[in-house]
Amino acid sequence: MSLLRPMVVDSGFYTITNMGSRTRIDLERGSKRDGTKVVGWAPHEPTHSGYLNQVWEIRPSKNEGCYTIVNAKTGTYLEAVVDSVDDSGVQVTCSKACEDKPSSQEWYLCGPPETAEYLGSCGIVHRDAASRLLLDLAGGSSTNGTKIQILHVFDFIGSVTELLWLIKPAEYSKPGSQLAVDTMPGDPGAIQKSA
């Protein structure tokens, strides 16, 4: 499977849902402590106290084509601290902005094969280690608390959908903002192909 076609996402607040399990990327217990685990969890409604654990601000980083993914509740950054492609299986966490190694918190959003089966989804690829490490829901499990990890493409043996994510606008407005970003009924996804 090629996940090398760059995609463009407008800056904003999103939920990120695994295409296979339909669970969301969730900041465990909504903790702002550095190194807090990121896990798969059943979707929360916007009125649920844990909803913001599943809302992420996606914005371009300083490196062209890369994004940072920041939790709306804590302001901590989705990260994977890796030194090489041998770090496949590393737990994804959240921490405050990293000045020493910002690439650990930078991600490419890449399109899947152009088939109707995968329409609207993307692979989330870590910037380090030659971009061969993808965000993966361990075993594609729908169990709450499932590990979200970085997986080398050559280590992948499961269903392709555990590597694919649906990025949808969240029902959330930043404090002090006048407008909320709402999910549009029938919206195939927020992702746009780059020009």
C-alpha atoms as a PDB file:
ATOM      1  CA  MET A   1       0.000   0.000   0.000  1.00  0.00           C
ATOM      2  CA  SER A   2       1.428   3.393  -0.940  1.00  0.00           C
ATOM      3  CA  LEU A   3       0.830   6.159   1.580  1.00  0.00           C
ATOM      4  CA  LEU A   4       3.093   8.676  -0.069  1.00  0.00           C
ATOM      5  CA  ARG A   5       0.669  11.142  -1.661  1.00  0.00           C
ATOM      6  CA  PRO A   6       0.742  14.312   0.443  1.00  0.00           C
ATOM      7  CA  MET A   7      -2.606  15.671   1.586  1.00  0.00           C
ATOM      8  CA  VAL A   8      -3.578  19.131   2.792  1.00  0.00           C
ATOM      9  CA  VAL A   9      -5.776  19.854   5.816  1.00  0.00           C
ATOM     10  CA  ASP A  10      -6.931  23.331   6.786  1.00  0.00           C
ATOM     11  CA  SER A  11      -5.875  24.480  10.252  1.00  0.00           C
ATOM     12  CA  GLY A  12      -8.645  23.760  12.728  1.00  0.00           C
ATOM     13  CA  PHE A  13     -10.070  21.414  15.335  1.00  0.00           C
ATOM     14  CA  TYR A  14     -10.758  17.808  14.380  1.00  0.00           C
ATOM     15  CA  THR A  15     -11.569  14.364  15.672  1.00  0.00           C
ATOM     16  CA  ILE A  16      -9.350  11.579  14.323  1.00  0.00           C
ATOM     17  CA  THR A  17     -11.118   8.235  13.983  1.00  0.00           C
ATOM     18  CA  ASN A  18      -9.595   4.900  13.030  1.00  0.00           C
ATOM     19  CA  MET A  19     -11.138   3.653   9.807  1.00  0.00           C
ATOM     20  CA  GLY A  20     -11.333   0.040  10.934  1.00  0.00           C
ATOM     21  CA  SER A  21     -12.338   0.168  14.610  1.00  0.00           C
ATOM     22  CA  ARG A  22     -14.207   3.518  14.505  1.00  0.00           C
ATOM     23  CA  THR A  23     -12.489   4.442  17.771  1.00  0.00           C
ATOM     24  CA  ARG A  24     -10.893   7.855  18.157  1.00  0.00           C
ATOM     25  CA  ILE A  25      -7.440   9.020  19.097  1.00  0.00           C
ATOM     26  CA  ASP A  26      -7.895   9.882  22.779  1.00  0.00           C
ATOM     27  CA  LEU A  27      -5.544  11.537  25.292  1.00  0.00           C
ATOM     28  CA  GLU A  28      -5.613   9.158  28.260  1.00  0.00           C
ATOM     29  CA  ARG A  29      -7.552  10.728  31.163  1.00  0.00           C
ATOM     30  CA  GLY A  30      -7.136  14.147  29.521  1.00  0.00           C
ATOM     31  CA  SER A  31      -3.858  14.583  31.401  1.00  0.00           C
ATOM     32  CA  LYS A  32      -1.455  17.386  30.490  1.00  0.00           C
ATOM     33  CA  ARG A  33       1.485  15.576  32.071  1.00  0.00           C
ATOM     34  CA  ASP A  34       4.368  15.064  29.613  1.00  0.00           C
ATOM     35  CA  GLY A  35       4.447  11.528  28.258  1.00  0.00           C
ATOM     36  CA  THR A  36       0.717  10.871  28.669  1.00  0.00           C
ATOM     37  CA  LYS A  37      -0.306   7.908  26.513  1.00  0.00           C
ATOM     38  CA  VAL A  38      -2.535   8.295  23.491  1.00  0.00           C
ATOM     39  CA  VAL A  39      -5.019   5.441  23.069  1.00  0.00           C
ATOM     40  CA  GLY A  40      -7.983   4.334  21.000  1.00  0.00           C
ATOM     41  CA  TRP A  41     -11.365   5.021  22.643  1.00  0.00           C
ATOM     42  CA  ALA A  42     -15.012   4.913  21.649  1.00  0.00           C
ATOM     43  CA  PRO A  43     -16.265   8.311  20.418  1.00  0.00           C
ATOM     44  CA  HIS A  44     -17.607  10.715  23.036  1.00  0.00           C
ATOM     45  CA  GLU A  45     -20.521  13.057  22.337  1.00  0.00           C
ATOM     46  CA  PRO A  46     -19.690  16.799  22.508  1.00  0.00           C
ATOM     47  CA  THR A  47     -21.601  17.019  25.821  1.00  0.00           C
ATOM     48  CA  HIS A  48     -19.456  14.278  27.435  1.00  0.00           C
ATOM     49  CA  SER A  49     -16.777  15.369  29.927  1.00  0.00           C
ATOM     50  CA  GLY A  50     -14.160  13.392  27.970  1.00  0.00           C
ATOM     51  CA  TYR A  51     -14.972  14.913  24.573  1.00  0.00           C
ATOM     52  CA  LEU A  52     -11.976  17.264  24.503  1.00  0.00           C
ATOM     53  CA  ASN A  53      -9.654  14.312  25.088  1.00  0.00           C
ATOM     54  CA  GLN A  54     -10.593  13.454  21.473  1.00  0.00           C
ATOM     55  CA  VAL A  55     -10.399  16.913  19.881  1.00  0.00           C
ATOM     56  CA  TRP A  56      -7.158  17.842  18.133  1.00  0.00           C
ATOM     57  CA  GLU A  57      -5.946  21.061  16.568  1.00  0.00           C
ATOM     58  CA  ILE A  58      -4.128  20.335  13.328  1.00  0.00           C
ATOM     59  CA  ARG A  59      -1.894  23.125  12.114  1.00  0.00           C
ATOM     60  CA  PRO A  60       1.064  23.449   9.742  1.00  0.00           C
ATOM     61  CA  SER A  61       4.491  23.215  11.361  1.00  0.00           C
ATOM     62  CA  LYS A  62       7.542  25.248  10.366  1.00  0.00           C
ATOM     63  CA  ASN A  63       8.640  22.421   8.065  1.00  0.00           C
ATOM     64  CA  GLU A  64       6.858  22.448   4.731  1.00  0.00           C
ATOM     65  CA  GLY A  65       4.297  19.691   4.332  1.00  0.00           C
ATOM     66  CA  CYS A  66       4.330  18.757   8.026  1.00  0.00           C
ATOM     67  CA  TYR A  67       1.697  19.303  10.697  1.00  0.00           C
ATOM     68  CA  THR A  68       1.527  19.391  14.463  1.00  0.00           C
ATOM     69  CA  ILE A  69      -1.434  17.718  16.169  1.00  0.00           C
ATOM     70  CA  VAL A  70      -2.292  19.391  19.478  1.00  0.00           C
ATOM     71  CA  ASN A  71      -4.864  18.299  22.053  1.00  0.00           C
ATOM     72  CA  ALA A  72      -7.592  20.930  22.484  1.00  0.00           C
ATOM     73  CA  LYS A  73      -7.936  20.343  26.233  1.00  0.00           C
ATOM     74  CA  THR A  74      -4.284  20.370  27.284  1.00  0.00           C
ATOM     75  CA  GLY A  75      -2.352  22.087  24.486  1.00  0.00           C
ATOM     76  CA  THR A  76       0.070  19.142  24.460  1.00  0.00           C
ATOM     77  CA  TYR A  77       1.495  17.773  21.210  1.00  0.00           C
ATOM     78  CA  LEU A  78       1.068  14.323  19.693  1.00  0.00           C
ATOM     79  CA  GLU A  79       4.562  12.838  19.606  1.00  0.00           C
ATOM     80  CA  ALA A  80       6.634   9.736  19.104  1.00  0.00           C
ATOM     81  CA  VAL A  81      10.235   9.863  20.255  1.00  0.00           C
ATOM     82  CA  VAL A  82      12.153   7.688  17.812  1.00  0.00           C
ATOM     83  CA  ASP A  83      15.774   7.479  16.741  1.00  0.00           C
ATOM     84  CA  SER A  84      15.499   5.077  13.822  1.00  0.00           C
ATOM     85  CA  VAL A  85      13.155   2.812  11.920  1.00  0.00           C
ATOM     86  CA  ASP A  86      14.064   0.173  14.507  1.00  0.00           C
ATOM     87  CA  ASP A  87      11.766   2.014  16.943  1.00  0.00           C
ATOM     88  CA  SER A  88       8.683   0.448  15.375  1.00  0.00           C
ATOM     89  CA  GLY A  89       6.083  -0.221  18.079  1.00  0.00           C
ATOM     90  CA  VAL A  90       6.871   2.860  20.198  1.00  0.00           C
ATOM     91  CA  GLN A  91       3.878   4.165  22.184  1.00  0.00           C
ATOM     92  CA  VAL A  92       2.535   7.518  20.941  1.00  0.00           C
ATOM     93  CA  THR A  93       2.231  10.108  23.710  1.00  0.00           C
ATOM     94  CA  CYS A  94       1.523  13.805  24.238  1.00  0.00           C
ATOM     95  CA  SER A  95       3.891  16.379  25.739  1.00  0.00           C
ATOM     96  CA  LYS A  96       4.428  20.125  25.736  1.00  0.00           C
ATOM     97  CA  ALA A  97       6.138  21.629  22.686  1.00  0.00           C
ATOM     98  CA  CYS A  98       9.620  20.149  22.277  1.00  0.00           C
ATOM     99  CA  GLU A  99      12.321  22.679  21.431  1.00  0.00           C
ATOM    100  CA  ASP A 100      15.163  20.119  21.414  1.00  0.00           C
ATOM    101  CA  LYS A 101      13.650  17.747  18.859  1.00  0.00           C
ATOM    102  CA  PRO A 102      10.569  19.303  17.229  1.00  0.00           C
ATOM    103  CA  SER A 103      10.529  16.596  14.541  1.00  0.00           C
ATOM    104  CA  SER A 104       9.250  14.142  17.184  1.00  0.00           C
ATOM    105  CA  GLN A 105       6.010  16.162  17.112  1.00  0.00           C
ATOM    106  CA  GLU A 106       5.681  16.623  13.353  1.00  0.00           C
ATOM    107  CA  TRP A 107       3.558  14.520  11.024  1.00  0.00           C
ATOM    108  CA  TYR A 108       2.798  14.132   7.332  1.00  0.00           C
ATOM    109  CA  LEU A 109      -0.778  13.430   6.250  1.00  0.00           C
ATOM    110  CA  CYS A 110      -0.690  11.081   3.279  1.00  0.00           C
ATOM    111  CA  GLY A 111      -3.372   9.692   1.041  1.00  0.00           C
ATOM    112  CA  PRO A 112      -4.220   5.996   0.713  1.00  0.00           C
ATOM    113  CA  PRO A 113      -4.779   4.108  -2.539  1.00  0.00           C
ATOM    114  CA  GLU A 114      -7.350   5.866  -4.710  1.00  0.00           C
ATOM    115  CA  THR A 115     -10.188   3.419  -4.239  1.00  0.00           C
ATOM    116  CA  ALA A 116     -13.713   4.011  -2.977  1.00  0.00           C
ATOM    117  CA  GLU A 117     -13.002   1.644  -0.080  1.00  0.00           C
ATOM    118  CA  TYR A 118     -10.536   4.098   1.490  1.00  0.00           C
ATOM    119  CA  LEU A 119     -12.060   7.396   0.341  1.00  0.00           C
ATOM    120  CA  GLY A 120     -11.745  10.238   2.840  1.00  0.00           C
ATOM    121  CA  SER A 121      -9.060   8.569   4.946  1.00  0.00           C
ATOM    122  CA  CYS A 122      -5.373   9.236   5.386  1.00  0.00           C
ATOM    123  CA  GLY A 123      -2.223   7.747   6.830  1.00  0.00           C
ATOM    124  CA  ILE A 124      -0.468   9.793   9.502  1.00  0.00           C
ATOM    125  CA  VAL A 125       3.268   9.442   8.947  1.00  0.00           C
ATOM    126  CA  HIS A 126       5.958  10.407  11.465  1.00  0.00           C
ATOM    127  CA  ARG A 127       8.496  12.933  10.181  1.00  0.00           C
ATOM    128  CA  ASP A 128      11.518  11.121  11.629  1.00  0.00           C
ATOM    129  CA  ALA A 129      13.107   7.904  10.375  1.00  0.00           C
ATOM    130  CA  ALA A 130      12.668   8.592   6.664  1.00  0.00           C
ATOM    131  CA  SER A 131       8.876   8.812   7.022  1.00  0.00           C
ATOM    132  CA  ARG A 132       8.367   5.053   7.094  1.00  0.00           C
ATOM    133  CA  LEU A 133       6.739   5.046  10.533  1.00  0.00           C
ATOM    134  CA  LEU A 134       2.959   5.326  10.538  1.00  0.00           C
ATOM    135  CA  LEU A 135       0.412   5.973  13.261  1.00  0.00           C
ATOM    136  CA  ASP A 136      -1.177   2.604  14.009  1.00  0.00           C
ATOM    137  CA  LEU A 137      -3.973   1.322  16.238  1.00  0.00           C
ATOM    138  CA  ALA A 138      -2.432  -1.831  17.735  1.00  0.00           C
ATOM    139  CA  GLY A 139      -4.082  -4.891  16.231  1.00  0.00           C
ATOM    140  CA  GLY A 140      -6.914  -2.734  14.895  1.00  0.00           C
ATOM    141  CA  SER A 141      -8.719  -3.383  18.191  1.00  0.00           C
ATOM    142  CA  SER A 142     -11.899  -1.509  19.126  1.00  0.00           C
ATOM    143  CA  THR A 143     -11.254  -2.094  22.853  1.00  0.00           C
ATOM    144  CA  ASN A 144     -11.076   1.132  24.878  1.00  0.00           C
ATOM    145  CA  GLY A 145      -7.484   1.880  25.888  1.00  0.00           C
ATOM    146  CA  THR A 146      -5.879   0.159  22.885  1.00  0.00           C
ATOM    147  CA  LYS A 147      -2.310   1.327  22.324  1.00  0.00           C
ATOM    148  CA  ILE A 148      -1.676   3.819  19.554  1.00  0.00           C
ATOM    149  CA  GLN A 149       1.830   3.266  18.294  1.00  0.00           C
ATOM    150  CA  ILE A 150       4.279   4.027  15.543  1.00  0.00           C
ATOM    151  CA  LEU A 151       4.679   1.099  13.169  1.00  0.00           C
ATOM    152  CA  HIS A 152       7.219   0.607  10.401  1.00  0.00           C
ATOM    153  CA  VAL A 153       5.511  -0.215   7.117  1.00  0.00           C
ATOM    154  CA  PHE A 154       7.590  -3.395   6.800  1.00  0.00           C
ATOM    155  CA  ASP A 155       6.384  -4.611  10.228  1.00  0.00           C
ATOM    156  CA  PHE A 156       2.749  -4.290   9.241  1.00  0.00           C
ATOM    157  CA  ILE A 157       0.801  -7.568   9.079  1.00  0.00           C
ATOM    158  CA  GLY A 158      -2.782  -6.587  10.002  1.00  0.00           C
ATOM    159  CA  SER A 159      -5.700  -4.991   8.192  1.00  0.00           C
ATOM    160  CA  VAL A 160      -4.780  -1.866   6.266  1.00  0.00           C
ATOM    161  CA  THR A 161      -7.587   0.024   8.008  1.00  0.00           C
ATOM    162  CA  GLU A 162      -5.719   0.061  11.332  1.00  0.00           C
ATOM    163  CA  LEU A 163      -3.265   2.459   9.642  1.00  0.00           C
ATOM    164  CA  LEU A 164      -5.944   4.724   8.144  1.00  0.00           C
ATOM    165  CA  TRP A 165      -7.651   7.627   9.916  1.00  0.00           C
ATOM    166  CA  LEU A 166     -10.715   9.754   9.211  1.00  0.00           C
ATOM    167  CA  ILE A 167     -10.138  13.404  10.057  1.00  0.00           C
ATOM    168  CA  LYS A 168     -13.411  15.260  10.625  1.00  0.00           C
ATOM    169  CA  PRO A 169     -14.175  18.783  11.874  1.00  0.00           C
ATOM    170  CA  ALA A 170     -14.959  18.750  15.596  1.00  0.00           C
ATOM    171  CA  GLU A 171     -17.905  20.405  17.287  1.00  0.00           C
ATOM    172  CA  TYR A 172     -15.708  22.767  19.250  1.00  0.00           C
ATOM    173  CA  SER A 173     -14.925  26.447  19.501  1.00  0.00           C
ATOM    174  CA  LYS A 174     -11.724  27.716  21.051  1.00  0.00           C
ATOM    175  CA  PRO A 175     -12.369  29.798  24.184  1.00  0.00           C
ATOM    176  CA  GLY A 176     -12.908  33.410  23.136  1.00  0.00           C
ATOM    177  CA  SER A 177     -13.896  32.411  19.597  1.00  0.00           C
ATOM    178  CA  GLN A 178     -17.242  33.418  18.108  1.00  0.00           C
ATOM    179  CA  LEU A 179     -17.605  30.424  15.780  1.00  0.00           C
ATOM    180  CA  ALA A 180     -17.818  26.721  16.416  1.00  0.00           C
ATOM    181  CA  VAL A 181     -16.592  24.235  13.845  1.00  0.00           C
ATOM    182  CA  ASP A 182     -19.422  21.789  13.188  1.00  0.00           C
ATOM    183  CA  THR A 183     -19.458  18.440  11.478  1.00  0.00           C
ATOM    184  CA  MET A 184     -21.365  18.649   8.220  1.00  0.00           C
ATOM    185  CA  PRO A 185     -23.875  15.836   7.567  1.00  0.00           C
ATOM    186  CA  GLY A 186     -22.603  13.657   4.748  1.00  0.00           C
ATOM    187  CA  ASP A 187     -19.216  15.404   4.755  1.00  0.00           C
ATOM    188  CA  PRO A 188     -16.805  12.859   3.231  1.00  0.00           C
ATOM    189  CA  GLY A 189     -13.927  14.328   5.228  1.00  0.00           C
ATOM    190  CA  ALA A 190     -11.907  17.424   5.787  1.00  0.00           C
ATOM    191  CA  ILE A 191      -8.953  16.249   3.757  1.00  0.00           C
ATOM    192  CA  GLN A 192      -8.172  17.870   0.444  1.00  0.00           C
ATOM    193  CA  LYS A 193      -5.609  16.829  -2.121  1.00  0.00           C
ATOM    194  CA  SER A 194      -2.743  19.238  -2.552  1.00  0.00           C
ATOM    195  CA  ALA A 195      -2.671  21.203  -5.761  1.00  0.00           C
END
